Amino acid sequence: MPESHKEKATRLKAQAEASAQKTAKPLHIKFGLNHVTTLVEENKAKLVVIAHDVDPVELVIHLPALCRNKGVPYCFVRGKANLGKLVHLKTATCVALTEVRREDFVDLEQLSQTFKAQFNGNAKLTKAWGGGIMGIKNQHMMAAREKLIAIENAKKALV
């Protein structure tokens, strides 16, 4: 005798629940430059790893500044082929960790603190460019500008 509609509904519901338990959300490494950039912008990335030999370097040059602004720890590793092995590709320019298992959380925190000290908080990387010393032409131009401003302020004071 074939199964009824109610029996079929309960059977399918039980199968769906069983498959949902088996397929919990996977904890993967996210890769791809655009995807990693989006994850950092949305504050979903916990750690970003960038390859040192990306060609052209302009592709990933924005990531360290973005990570510093968002407070995401980042680091550089040797070889985009090494990152590619992590994600089962030939090469990968950068990868990001979004979630880790509970037993690995302590290791992630330790790596995050280390990378923040080495890369995010590096004084050489956040150095302000230039010493504030202007060339002679620029000094004369600024002096002339200040003279004009002083004359205008004197006129306003008389009125």
Protein backbone atom coordinates (compact mmCIF):
# COMPACT_ATOMS: atom_id res chain seq x y z
CA MET A 1 0.00 0.00 0.00
CA PRO A 2 1.47 3.43 -0.93
CA GLU A 3 2.15 6.00 1.79
CA SER A 4 -0.37 8.74 2.49
CA HIS A 5 0.24 12.47 2.24
CA LYS A 6 0.76 12.79 6.01
CA GLU A 7 3.23 9.91 6.08
CA LYS A 8 5.14 11.39 3.17
CA ALA A 9 5.26 14.84 4.84
CA THR A 10 6.59 13.40 8.10
CA ARG A 11 9.17 11.26 6.23
CA LEU A 12 10.44 14.25 4.23
CA LYS A 13 10.51 16.44 7.34
CA ALA A 14 12.58 13.84 9.19
CA GLN A 15 14.99 13.60 6.24
CA ALA A 16 15.35 17.39 6.11
CA GLU A 17 16.11 17.59 9.84
CA ALA A 18 18.67 14.78 9.59
CA SER A 19 20.46 16.44 6.67
CA ALA A 20 20.40 19.82 8.44
CA GLN A 21 22.19 18.30 11.43
CA LYS A 22 24.83 16.73 9.19
CA THR A 23 25.46 19.90 7.20
CA ALA A 24 26.26 22.46 9.86
CA LYS A 25 27.67 25.74 8.61
CA PRO A 26 31.18 25.04 7.34
CA LEU A 27 34.05 27.04 8.77
CA HIS A 28 36.08 27.81 5.69
CA ILE A 29 38.88 30.14 4.83
CA LYS A 30 37.49 32.89 2.64
CA PHE A 31 39.67 33.82 -0.33
CA GLY A 32 39.63 36.18 -3.27
CA LEU A 33 40.63 39.81 -3.19
CA ASN A 34 37.17 41.28 -3.70
CA HIS A 35 35.60 38.88 -1.20
CA VAL A 36 38.25 39.56 1.46
CA THR A 37 37.93 43.33 0.96
CA THR A 38 34.17 43.10 1.43
CA LEU A 39 34.59 40.99 4.57
CA VAL A 40 37.00 43.52 6.08
CA GLU A 41 34.69 46.42 5.22
CA GLU A 42 31.74 44.63 6.84
CA ASN A 43 33.82 43.79 9.96
CA LYS A 44 33.32 40.07 9.41
CA ALA A 45 37.00 39.17 8.94
CA LYS A 46 38.88 38.16 12.09
CA LEU A 47 42.31 37.76 10.44
CA VAL A 48 43.65 38.60 6.97
CA VAL A 49 46.69 36.93 5.40
CA ILE A 50 48.25 38.58 2.33
CA ALA A 51 50.83 37.08 -0.05
CA HIS A 52 54.05 39.04 -0.46
CA ASP A 53 54.59 38.35 -4.17
CA VAL A 54 51.37 39.64 -5.72
CA ASP A 55 51.98 41.09 -9.17
CA PRO A 56 51.02 43.90 -9.71
CA VAL A 57 51.28 44.97 -6.11
CA GLU A 58 48.59 47.63 -6.66
CA LEU A 59 45.99 44.89 -6.36
CA VAL A 60 46.54 44.38 -2.63
CA ILE A 61 48.17 47.67 -1.62
CA HIS A 62 44.89 48.95 -0.13
CA LEU A 63 44.37 45.98 2.20
CA PRO A 64 46.86 46.90 4.97
CA ALA A 65 45.46 50.43 5.27
CA LEU A 66 41.89 49.10 5.27
CA CYS A 67 42.74 46.49 7.91
CA ARG A 68 44.44 49.12 10.08
CA ASN A 69 41.39 51.40 9.84
CA LYS A 70 38.96 48.60 10.69
CA GLY A 71 41.16 47.10 13.43
CA VAL A 72 41.53 43.74 11.69
CA PRO A 73 44.87 41.98 12.26
CA TYR A 74 46.73 41.19 9.06
CA CYS A 75 50.04 39.67 8.07
CA PHE A 76 52.15 38.92 5.03
CA VAL A 77 53.28 35.41 4.15
CA ARG A 78 55.85 34.15 1.72
CA GLY A 79 54.40 33.13 -1.59
CA LYS A 80 50.95 33.23 -3.07
CA ALA A 81 51.42 29.54 -3.90
CA ASN A 82 51.44 28.77 -0.16
CA LEU A 83 48.11 30.55 0.25
CA GLY A 84 46.81 28.70 -2.81
CA LYS A 85 47.52 25.37 -1.11
CA LEU A 86 45.26 26.39 1.77
CA VAL A 87 42.29 26.94 -0.52
CA HIS A 88 43.10 24.14 -3.00
CA LEU A 89 44.03 26.48 -5.86
CA LYS A 90 47.25 27.17 -7.70
CA THR A 91 47.66 30.65 -6.16
CA ALA A 92 45.74 33.01 -3.90
CA THR A 93 46.56 36.65 -3.23
CA CYS A 94 44.88 36.87 0.18
CA VAL A 95 42.71 34.86 2.55
CA ALA A 96 40.56 35.81 5.53
CA LEU A 97 39.34 33.91 8.57
CA THR A 98 35.80 34.78 9.58
CA GLU A 99 35.05 32.14 12.21
CA VAL A 100 36.93 29.40 13.99
CA ARG A 101 35.96 26.48 16.17
CA ARG A 102 35.80 27.07 19.90
CA GLU A 103 38.90 24.98 20.57
CA ASP A 104 40.92 27.12 18.13
CA PHE A 105 39.72 30.48 19.45
CA VAL A 106 42.65 30.87 21.88
CA ASP A 107 45.14 30.31 19.04
CA LEU A 108 43.35 32.89 16.89
CA GLU A 109 43.51 35.46 19.70
CA GLN A 110 47.21 34.79 20.20
CA LEU A 111 47.90 35.18 16.47
CA SER A 112 45.77 38.33 16.35
CA GLN A 113 47.74 39.96 19.16
CA THR A 114 51.04 39.00 17.55
CA PHE A 115 50.04 40.32 14.13
CA LYS A 116 48.61 43.53 15.57
CA ALA A 117 51.93 44.18 17.30
CA GLN A 118 54.03 43.33 14.23
CA PHE A 119 51.95 44.79 11.40
CA ASN A 120 49.00 46.91 12.55
CA GLY A 121 50.88 48.83 15.24
CA ASN A 122 54.12 49.12 13.31
CA ALA A 123 55.32 52.72 13.60
CA LYS A 124 57.16 52.61 10.28
CA LEU A 125 53.97 51.75 8.42
CA THR A 126 51.92 54.53 9.98
CA LYS A 127 54.66 57.14 9.53
CA ALA A 128 53.51 60.50 8.26
CA TRP A 129 55.19 61.40 5.00
CA GLY A 130 57.27 64.53 4.70
CA GLY A 131 58.93 66.63 7.36
CA GLY A 132 56.82 69.74 6.94
CA ILE A 133 59.72 71.57 5.30
CA MET A 134 58.67 73.50 2.23
CA GLY A 135 60.85 74.48 -0.69
CA ILE A 136 61.96 78.09 -1.17
CA LYS A 137 59.33 78.85 -3.82
CA ASN A 138 56.56 77.50 -1.63
CA GLN A 139 57.86 79.47 1.37
CA HIS A 140 57.73 82.72 -0.64
CA MET A 141 54.24 81.89 -1.92
CA MET A 142 52.98 81.22 1.61
CA ALA A 143 54.58 84.43 2.89
CA ALA A 144 52.84 86.44 0.14
CA ARG A 145 49.54 84.76 0.99
CA GLU A 146 49.95 85.59 4.70
CA LYS A 147 50.76 89.21 3.77
CA LEU A 148 47.53 89.47 1.74
CA ILE A 149 45.51 87.95 4.58
CA ALA A 150 47.05 90.43 7.03
CA ILE A 151 46.14 93.36 4.74
CA GLU A 152 42.52 92.12 4.44
CA ASN A 153 42.25 91.65 8.21
CA ALA A 154 43.57 95.22 8.72
CA LYS A 155 40.92 96.59 6.31
CA LYS A 156 38.17 94.67 8.13
CA ALA A 157 39.36 96.03 11.46
CA LEU A 158 39.07 99.63 10.21
CA VAL A 159 35.53 99.17 8.97
